Each structure stands twice: as structure tokens, then as C-alpha cells.
Amino acid sequence: MKLEINDEVSKLLDLSEEEILEVLAVSLYKMEKINGVQGGKITGKSEIEFHGLLGKYGQFINYDEGDLDADLNNLKDF
């Protein structure tokens, strides 16, 4: 899929193409429509880099009690 934003809207936003992709990815992540890997693909960054980007937009990593339990169970196998 290719998205196009016309020049008038682009100038009004005063954001670069990279920043627009970041805002889109962070918004979708916040809505829990995508994960960190997918956010990285949208922004052209790794998952770790995308997670680092979240703070720039006031968003935190989606990590709940279920994620913690899964991580703890995985550590038991080591």
C-alpha cells in the first residue's frame, strides 16, 4: 500500500515524510493495532529503535502483566 499526502496538507502539518510515518506508526501502536516489529517496519527502524522512538511522542511500550508472566516463564527454561 502506498499513502500519498498532498503538498498542501504536508505544508500545513510542517512534518517531514519520516515524521509523518513515525506519527502514523506510534498512533497505530497506541491503538494496539500493530506491534513494535510492525512499527519498526513502517518507520524503517528496528523494533528496538521503534521502542526508543515511542518516548518522543509520549507513548510507552505496551507491556502488561501477561507479558511479564510470559517473560518470567521463558526465563525459567534457562
Protein backbone atom coordinates (compact mmCIF):
# COMPACT_ATOMS: atom_id res chain seq x y z
CA MET A 1 0.00 0.00 0.00
CA LYS A 2 1.22 3.46 -0.76
CA LEU A 3 -0.09 6.55 1.02
CA GLU A 4 0.01 9.99 -0.51
CA ILE A 5 -0.39 13.24 1.34
CA ASN A 6 -0.89 16.22 -0.89
CA ASP A 7 1.57 19.10 -0.67
CA GLU A 8 -0.95 21.49 0.91
CA VAL A 9 -1.61 19.14 3.83
CA SER A 10 2.08 18.32 4.13
CA LYS A 11 2.98 22.01 4.40
CA LEU A 12 0.19 22.56 6.92
CA LEU A 13 1.49 19.71 9.10
CA ASP A 14 5.06 21.02 8.88
CA LEU A 15 6.35 17.45 9.25
CA SER A 16 8.82 15.53 7.16
CA GLU A 17 7.84 12.28 5.48
CA GLU A 18 9.81 10.43 8.16
CA GLU A 19 7.95 12.24 10.95
CA ILE A 20 4.57 11.52 9.36
CA LEU A 21 5.42 7.81 9.23
CA GLU A 22 6.52 7.95 12.87
CA VAL A 23 3.27 9.61 13.95
CA LEU A 24 1.26 7.05 11.99
CA ALA A 25 3.16 4.10 13.45
CA VAL A 26 3.08 5.40 17.03
CA SER A 27 -0.65 6.11 16.74
CA LEU A 28 -1.36 2.60 15.44
CA TYR A 29 0.83 1.15 18.20
CA LYS A 30 -1.03 3.17 20.83
CA MET A 31 -4.32 1.81 19.46
CA GLU A 32 -2.80 -1.70 19.74
CA LYS A 33 -3.32 -2.28 16.00
CA ILE A 34 0.37 -3.06 15.43
CA ASN A 35 3.30 -4.32 17.50
CA GLY A 36 6.84 -3.00 17.82
CA VAL A 37 8.16 -5.08 14.94
CA GLN A 38 5.47 -3.73 12.63
CA GLY A 39 6.07 -0.19 13.90
CA GLY A 40 9.71 -0.60 13.03
CA LYS A 41 8.85 -1.74 9.52
CA ILE A 42 6.60 1.29 8.96
CA THR A 43 9.30 3.69 10.17
CA GLY A 44 12.25 1.85 8.62
CA LYS A 45 13.73 1.14 12.04
CA SER A 46 14.40 -1.95 14.11
CA GLU A 47 11.95 -2.96 16.84
CA ILE A 48 14.35 -1.63 19.48
CA GLU A 49 14.76 1.68 17.65
CA PHE A 50 10.98 1.97 17.30
CA HIS A 51 10.51 1.37 21.02
CA GLY A 52 13.05 4.14 21.65
CA LEU A 53 11.04 6.43 19.38
CA LEU A 54 7.86 5.99 21.41
CA GLY A 55 9.04 8.36 24.14
CA LYS A 56 9.45 11.16 21.60
CA TYR A 57 5.68 11.04 21.15
CA GLY A 58 4.78 10.48 24.81
CA GLN A 59 3.89 6.81 24.36
CA PHE A 60 5.10 3.90 26.45
CA ILE A 61 5.81 0.32 25.42
CA ASN A 62 2.69 -1.86 25.54
CA TYR A 63 3.71 -4.33 28.23
CA ASP A 64 1.19 -5.78 30.64
CA GLU A 65 1.06 -8.38 33.39
CA GLY A 66 0.53 -11.16 30.84
CA ASP A 67 3.74 -10.13 29.06
CA LEU A 68 5.61 -10.19 32.36
CA ASP A 69 4.29 -13.66 33.20
CA ALA A 70 5.32 -14.94 29.76
CA ASP A 71 8.80 -13.48 30.18
CA LEU A 72 9.19 -15.00 33.63
CA ASN A 73 8.10 -18.40 32.33
CA ASN A 74 10.62 -18.13 29.49
CA LEU A 75 13.39 -17.32 31.98
CA LYS A 76 12.60 -20.48 33.96
CA ASP A 77 13.73 -22.51 30.94
CA PHE A 78 17.23 -21.04 31.10
